[in-house]
Amino acid sequence: TQIERLDSYAEHWSQNDEGGIRLVDKIVTEAALLLLLSRRVETLWPGLVTRNDQLSASLGPRIRNDRLRTMLVSMPQTAATLGAGHVFLSVAGNRDATFETLVQTALDDGFGETVERVPYRQLDQRWTRNLGRSDPLPVDDVLHGSILSSRAHPFYMTQGDGYAATHAVMYATDFGQSPLPEALDRGRVEAII
């Protein structure tokens, strides 16, 4: 996969580390999200199980490495961001009990909420936290401040507004697994999208 080639690709990227989080970290987290969503539909396509297993095997060492362990210990506020890849891998069937303790302890201690986030990122964090929970946390409080609850109109939206709207829908519906929450006006959301 391309995951094995990330280090050679990264040599050509300018790095703007956000508190030590690198572009490579973001890419493997997004790949783990892809794996999680692909696991949900893998019975529909022959060969997808094998490809998912290969992707899972290549992501594990990149998401659960000494550098990220050190960052999670020294900067626990990164657990919501850096820990997301681990959560996606775990839900997709690739578990690591030691890393689980590290991520969950930081999140349970409230460090995930110590970074200011816009509503769609709050929905992202809530969705990620709810993935492994038997008692999911509600999202209505976050939706109240979301662009999905606003009078936003596509003619006047910025690119960032459009990104926020589409991502808020994905997280609020568990990528289409759940209906749109009742706190939202479906007609208004459809008009925005």
C-alpha atoms as a PDB file:
ATOM      1  CA  THR A   1       0.000   0.000   0.000  1.00  0.00           C
ATOM      2  CA  GLN A   2       0.922   3.633  -0.126  1.00  0.00           C
ATOM      3  CA  ILE A   3       1.145   3.629   3.682  1.00  0.00           C
ATOM      4  CA  GLU A   4       4.540   1.899   3.515  1.00  0.00           C
ATOM      5  CA  ARG A   5       5.778   4.717   1.266  1.00  0.00           C
ATOM      6  CA  LEU A   6       4.708   7.580   3.534  1.00  0.00           C
ATOM      7  CA  ASP A   7       8.195   8.227   4.904  1.00  0.00           C
ATOM      8  CA  SER A   8       9.616   8.677   1.419  1.00  0.00           C
ATOM      9  CA  TYR A   9       6.687  10.928   0.467  1.00  0.00           C
ATOM     10  CA  ALA A  10       7.091  12.961   3.644  1.00  0.00           C
ATOM     11  CA  GLU A  11      10.622  13.931   2.607  1.00  0.00           C
ATOM     12  CA  HIS A  12       9.015  16.151  -0.043  1.00  0.00           C
ATOM     13  CA  TRP A  13       6.413  17.834   2.183  1.00  0.00           C
ATOM     14  CA  SER A  14       6.959  21.001   4.091  1.00  0.00           C
ATOM     15  CA  GLN A  15       6.175  20.216   7.698  1.00  0.00           C
ATOM     16  CA  ASN A  16       3.986  22.518   9.714  1.00  0.00           C
ATOM     17  CA  ASP A  17       3.817  20.511  12.915  1.00  0.00           C
ATOM     18  CA  GLU A  18       0.821  21.471  15.020  1.00  0.00           C
ATOM     19  CA  GLY A  19       2.127  20.697  18.475  1.00  0.00           C
ATOM     20  CA  GLY A  20       4.111  17.772  17.136  1.00  0.00           C
ATOM     21  CA  ILE A  21       1.275  16.347  15.020  1.00  0.00           C
ATOM     22  CA  ARG A  22       2.626  15.707  11.543  1.00  0.00           C
ATOM     23  CA  LEU A  23       0.922  15.361   8.181  1.00  0.00           C
ATOM     24  CA  VAL A  24       1.883  11.682   8.239  1.00  0.00           C
ATOM     25  CA  ASP A  25      -0.089  11.300  11.494  1.00  0.00           C
ATOM     26  CA  LYS A  26      -3.130  12.874   9.873  1.00  0.00           C
ATOM     27  CA  ILE A  27      -2.866  10.636   6.821  1.00  0.00           C
ATOM     28  CA  VAL A  28      -2.684   7.406   8.826  1.00  0.00           C
ATOM     29  CA  THR A  29      -5.605   8.544  10.994  1.00  0.00           C
ATOM     30  CA  GLU A  30      -7.696   9.198   7.872  1.00  0.00           C
ATOM     31  CA  ALA A  31      -6.618   5.805   6.502  1.00  0.00           C
ATOM     32  CA  ALA A  32      -7.781   4.186   9.754  1.00  0.00           C
ATOM     33  CA  LEU A  33     -11.137   5.943   9.354  1.00  0.00           C
ATOM     34  CA  LEU A  34     -11.334   4.565   5.814  1.00  0.00           C
ATOM     35  CA  LEU A  35     -10.558   1.102   7.209  1.00  0.00           C
ATOM     36  CA  LEU A  36     -13.323   1.404   9.810  1.00  0.00           C
ATOM     37  CA  LEU A  37     -15.902   2.421   7.207  1.00  0.00           C
ATOM     38  CA  SER A  38     -14.669  -0.227   4.774  1.00  0.00           C
ATOM     39  CA  ARG A  39     -15.039  -2.918   7.454  1.00  0.00           C
ATOM     40  CA  ARG A  40     -18.728  -2.015   7.656  1.00  0.00           C
ATOM     41  CA  VAL A  41     -19.286  -3.021   4.024  1.00  0.00           C
ATOM     42  CA  GLU A  42     -16.584  -5.592   3.380  1.00  0.00           C
ATOM     43  CA  THR A  43     -19.024  -8.490   2.966  1.00  0.00           C
ATOM     44  CA  LEU A  44     -20.410  -6.779  -0.132  1.00  0.00           C
ATOM     45  CA  TRP A  45     -17.188  -7.046  -2.177  1.00  0.00           C
ATOM     46  CA  PRO A  46     -15.005 -10.132  -2.641  1.00  0.00           C
ATOM     47  CA  GLY A  47     -11.424  -9.475  -1.667  1.00  0.00           C
ATOM     48  CA  LEU A  48     -12.176  -6.472   0.513  1.00  0.00           C
ATOM     49  CA  VAL A  49     -11.580  -8.444   3.718  1.00  0.00           C
ATOM     50  CA  THR A  50      -8.041  -9.275   2.568  1.00  0.00           C
ATOM     51  CA  ARG A  51      -7.326  -5.677   1.585  1.00  0.00           C
ATOM     52  CA  ASN A  52      -8.736  -4.394   4.867  1.00  0.00           C
ATOM     53  CA  ASP A  53      -6.574  -6.868   6.795  1.00  0.00           C
ATOM     54  CA  GLN A  54      -3.499  -5.654   4.895  1.00  0.00           C
ATOM     55  CA  LEU A  55      -4.347  -2.014   5.549  1.00  0.00           C
ATOM     56  CA  SER A  56      -4.967  -2.752   9.216  1.00  0.00           C
ATOM     57  CA  ALA A  57      -1.603  -4.491   9.556  1.00  0.00           C
ATOM     58  CA  SER A  58       0.242  -1.594   7.923  1.00  0.00           C
ATOM     59  CA  LEU A  59      -1.526   1.069  10.029  1.00  0.00           C
ATOM     60  CA  GLY A  60      -0.992  -0.506  13.451  1.00  0.00           C
ATOM     61  CA  PRO A  61       2.728   0.262  13.764  1.00  0.00           C
ATOM     62  CA  ARG A  62       2.248   3.778  12.365  1.00  0.00           C
ATOM     63  CA  ILE A  63      -0.550   4.680  14.779  1.00  0.00           C
ATOM     64  CA  ARG A  64       0.779   2.883  17.847  1.00  0.00           C
ATOM     65  CA  ASN A  65       4.450   3.777  17.905  1.00  0.00           C
ATOM     66  CA  ASP A  66       6.893   5.076  20.505  1.00  0.00           C
ATOM     67  CA  ARG A  67       6.755   8.651  19.197  1.00  0.00           C
ATOM     68  CA  LEU A  68       2.976   8.837  19.572  1.00  0.00           C
ATOM     69  CA  ARG A  69       3.082   7.082  22.961  1.00  0.00           C
ATOM     70  CA  THR A  70       5.539   9.713  24.170  1.00  0.00           C
ATOM     71  CA  MET A  71       3.359  12.522  22.813  1.00  0.00           C
ATOM     72  CA  LEU A  72       0.237  11.116  24.472  1.00  0.00           C
ATOM     73  CA  VAL A  73       2.038  10.940  27.803  1.00  0.00           C
ATOM     74  CA  SER A  74       3.720  14.353  27.571  1.00  0.00           C
ATOM     75  CA  MET A  75       0.836  16.141  25.792  1.00  0.00           C
ATOM     76  CA  PRO A  76      -2.375  14.325  26.810  1.00  0.00           C
ATOM     77  CA  GLN A  77      -4.473  17.043  25.158  1.00  0.00           C
ATOM     78  CA  THR A  78      -3.522  15.426  21.834  1.00  0.00           C
ATOM     79  CA  ALA A  79      -5.374  12.220  22.787  1.00  0.00           C
ATOM     80  CA  ALA A  80      -8.555  13.274  21.002  1.00  0.00           C
ATOM     81  CA  THR A  81      -6.620  13.850  17.785  1.00  0.00           C
ATOM     82  CA  LEU A  82      -3.777  11.322  17.932  1.00  0.00           C
ATOM     83  CA  GLY A  83      -5.928   8.753  19.708  1.00  0.00           C
ATOM     84  CA  ALA A  84      -8.581   8.775  16.969  1.00  0.00           C
ATOM     85  CA  GLY A  85      -6.542   6.504  14.700  1.00  0.00           C
ATOM     86  CA  HIS A  86      -6.195   4.012  17.539  1.00  0.00           C
ATOM     87  CA  VAL A  87      -9.960   4.114  18.191  1.00  0.00           C
ATOM     88  CA  PHE A  88     -10.721   3.538  14.493  1.00  0.00           C
ATOM     89  CA  LEU A  89      -8.283   0.615  14.365  1.00  0.00           C
ATOM     90  CA  SER A  90      -9.760  -0.903  17.527  1.00  0.00           C
ATOM     91  CA  VAL A  91     -13.328  -0.708  16.275  1.00  0.00           C
ATOM     92  CA  ALA A  92     -12.125  -2.192  12.974  1.00  0.00           C
ATOM     93  CA  GLY A  93     -10.814  -5.209  14.912  1.00  0.00           C
ATOM     94  CA  ASN A  94      -7.136  -4.328  15.433  1.00  0.00           C
ATOM     95  CA  ARG A  95      -6.857  -3.953  19.208  1.00  0.00           C
ATOM     96  CA  ASP A  96      -4.000  -2.962  21.495  1.00  0.00           C
ATOM     97  CA  ALA A  97      -4.825  -3.007  25.225  1.00  0.00           C
ATOM     98  CA  THR A  98      -1.807  -0.948  26.303  1.00  0.00           C
ATOM     99  CA  PHE A  99      -2.483   1.845  23.814  1.00  0.00           C
ATOM    100  CA  GLU A 100      -6.188   1.673  24.713  1.00  0.00           C
ATOM    101  CA  THR A 101      -5.390   2.406  28.344  1.00  0.00           C
ATOM    102  CA  LEU A 102      -3.177   5.326  27.365  1.00  0.00           C
ATOM    103  CA  VAL A 103      -5.753   6.950  25.065  1.00  0.00           C
ATOM    104  CA  GLN A 104      -8.821   6.259  27.211  1.00  0.00           C
ATOM    105  CA  THR A 105      -7.162   7.494  30.404  1.00  0.00           C
ATOM    106  CA  ALA A 106      -6.285  10.811  28.773  1.00  0.00           C
ATOM    107  CA  LEU A 107      -9.803  11.164  27.354  1.00  0.00           C
ATOM    108  CA  ASP A 108     -11.550  10.061  30.552  1.00  0.00           C
ATOM    109  CA  ASP A 109      -9.464  12.572  32.509  1.00  0.00           C
ATOM    110  CA  GLY A 110     -10.903  15.333  30.295  1.00  0.00           C
ATOM    111  CA  PHE A 111      -7.797  16.176  28.279  1.00  0.00           C
ATOM    112  CA  GLY A 112      -9.674  15.756  24.995  1.00  0.00           C
ATOM    113  CA  GLU A 113     -11.790  18.784  25.869  1.00  0.00           C
ATOM    114  CA  THR A 114      -8.891  21.085  26.720  1.00  0.00           C
ATOM    115  CA  VAL A 115      -8.497  22.221  23.109  1.00  0.00           C
ATOM    116  CA  GLU A 116     -10.952  24.719  21.607  1.00  0.00           C
ATOM    117  CA  ARG A 117     -12.898  23.168  18.720  1.00  0.00           C
ATOM    118  CA  VAL A 118     -15.544  24.389  16.299  1.00  0.00           C
ATOM    119  CA  PRO A 119     -18.875  22.477  16.402  1.00  0.00           C
ATOM    120  CA  TYR A 120     -18.185  20.049  13.539  1.00  0.00           C
ATOM    121  CA  ARG A 121     -14.894  19.091  15.214  1.00  0.00           C
ATOM    122  CA  GLN A 122     -16.775  18.660  18.492  1.00  0.00           C
ATOM    123  CA  LEU A 123     -19.149  16.320  16.626  1.00  0.00           C
ATOM    124  CA  ASP A 124     -16.111  14.483  15.253  1.00  0.00           C
ATOM    125  CA  GLN A 125     -14.758  14.032  18.774  1.00  0.00           C
ATOM    126  CA  ARG A 126     -18.136  12.949  20.161  1.00  0.00           C
ATOM    127  CA  TRP A 127     -18.627  10.479  17.300  1.00  0.00           C
ATOM    128  CA  THR A 128     -15.158   9.027  17.836  1.00  0.00           C
ATOM    129  CA  ARG A 129     -15.732   8.694  21.602  1.00  0.00           C
ATOM    130  CA  ASN A 130     -19.115   7.041  20.975  1.00  0.00           C
ATOM    131  CA  LEU A 131     -17.731   4.388  18.617  1.00  0.00           C
ATOM    132  CA  GLY A 132     -16.805   1.956  21.354  1.00  0.00           C
ATOM    133  CA  ARG A 133     -19.423   2.965  23.912  1.00  0.00           C
ATOM    134  CA  SER A 134     -22.491   0.979  24.820  1.00  0.00           C
ATOM    135  CA  ASP A 135     -24.031   4.204  26.177  1.00  0.00           C
ATOM    136  CA  PRO A 136     -23.327   6.839  23.496  1.00  0.00           C
ATOM    137  CA  LEU A 137     -23.157  10.464  24.546  1.00  0.00           C
ATOM    138  CA  PRO A 138     -25.860  12.667  22.983  1.00  0.00           C
ATOM    139  CA  VAL A 139     -24.936  15.191  20.300  1.00  0.00           C
ATOM    140  CA  ASP A 140     -27.832  17.659  20.605  1.00  0.00           C
ATOM    141  CA  ASP A 141     -25.777  20.086  22.705  1.00  0.00           C
ATOM    142  CA  VAL A 142     -23.140  20.285  19.979  1.00  0.00           C
ATOM    143  CA  LEU A 143     -25.685  20.467  17.148  1.00  0.00           C
ATOM    144  CA  HIS A 144     -27.195  23.579  18.708  1.00  0.00           C
ATOM    145  CA  GLY A 145     -24.073  25.562  17.750  1.00  0.00           C
ATOM    146  CA  SER A 146     -23.529  23.778  14.437  1.00  0.00           C
ATOM    147  CA  ILE A 147     -23.902  25.264  10.976  1.00  0.00           C
ATOM    148  CA  LEU A 148     -26.568  22.571  10.466  1.00  0.00           C
ATOM    149  CA  SER A 149     -28.793  24.449  12.937  1.00  0.00           C
ATOM    150  CA  SER A 150     -28.194  27.800  11.271  1.00  0.00           C
ATOM    151  CA  ARG A 151     -29.765  29.699   8.393  1.00  0.00           C
ATOM    152  CA  ALA A 152     -26.660  29.145   6.264  1.00  0.00           C
ATOM    153  CA  HIS A 153     -27.318  29.348   2.551  1.00  0.00           C
ATOM    154  CA  PRO A 154     -25.010  27.777  -0.039  1.00  0.00           C
ATOM    155  CA  PHE A 155     -24.820  31.046  -2.013  1.00  0.00           C
ATOM    156  CA  TYR A 156     -23.146  32.749   0.925  1.00  0.00           C
ATOM    157  CA  MET A 157     -21.167  29.897   2.451  1.00  0.00           C
ATOM    158  CA  THR A 158     -17.399  29.802   2.359  1.00  0.00           C
ATOM    159  CA  GLN A 159     -15.462  26.674   1.457  1.00  0.00           C
ATOM    160  CA  GLY A 160     -14.897  26.181   5.185  1.00  0.00           C
ATOM    161  CA  ASP A 161     -18.637  26.436   5.834  1.00  0.00           C
ATOM    162  CA  GLY A 162     -19.307  23.754   3.223  1.00  0.00           C
ATOM    163  CA  TYR A 163     -16.664  21.517   4.751  1.00  0.00           C
ATOM    164  CA  ALA A 164     -18.177  22.016   8.203  1.00  0.00           C
ATOM    165  CA  ALA A 165     -21.702  21.236   6.946  1.00  0.00           C
ATOM    166  CA  THR A 166     -20.774  18.024   5.134  1.00  0.00           C
ATOM    167  CA  HIS A 167     -18.586  16.774   7.964  1.00  0.00           C
ATOM    168  CA  ALA A 168     -21.191  17.612  10.612  1.00  0.00           C
ATOM    169  CA  VAL A 169     -23.724  15.465   8.722  1.00  0.00           C
ATOM    170  CA  MET A 170     -21.261  12.562   8.535  1.00  0.00           C
ATOM    171  CA  TYR A 171     -20.549  12.617  12.261  1.00  0.00           C
ATOM    172  CA  ALA A 172     -24.135  13.319  13.356  1.00  0.00           C
ATOM    173  CA  THR A 173     -25.393  10.300  11.365  1.00  0.00           C
ATOM    174  CA  ASP A 174     -22.459   7.929  11.982  1.00  0.00           C
ATOM    175  CA  PHE A 175     -21.668   8.116   8.273  1.00  0.00           C
ATOM    176  CA  GLY A 176     -25.248   7.262   7.349  1.00  0.00           C
ATOM    177  CA  GLN A 177     -25.656   4.430   9.862  1.00  0.00           C
ATOM    178  CA  SER A 178     -28.139   6.458  11.942  1.00  0.00           C
ATOM    179  CA  PRO A 179     -30.916   8.847  10.976  1.00  0.00           C
ATOM    180  CA  LEU A 180     -30.418  12.585  11.187  1.00  0.00           C
ATOM    181  CA  PRO A 181     -30.904  13.603  14.839  1.00  0.00           C
ATOM    182  CA  GLU A 182     -34.348  14.961  15.655  1.00  0.00           C
ATOM    183  CA  ALA A 183     -32.763  18.175  16.938  1.00  0.00           C
ATOM    184  CA  LEU A 184     -32.107  19.111  13.295  1.00  0.00           C
ATOM    185  CA  ASP A 185     -34.597  20.331  10.699  1.00  0.00           C
ATOM    186  CA  ARG A 186     -34.166  17.809   7.886  1.00  0.00           C
ATOM    187  CA  GLY A 187     -35.424  20.225   5.203  1.00  0.00           C
ATOM    188  CA  ARG A 188     -32.968  22.902   6.271  1.00  0.00           C
ATOM    189  CA  VAL A 189     -30.069  20.437   6.373  1.00  0.00           C
ATOM    190  CA  GLU A 190     -30.961  19.145   2.910  1.00  0.00           C
ATOM    191  CA  ALA A 191     -31.074  22.721   1.610  1.00  0.00           C
ATOM    192  CA  ILE A 192     -27.632  23.455   3.058  1.00  0.00           C
ATOM    193  CA  ILE A 193     -26.126  20.290   1.587  1.00  0.00           C
END
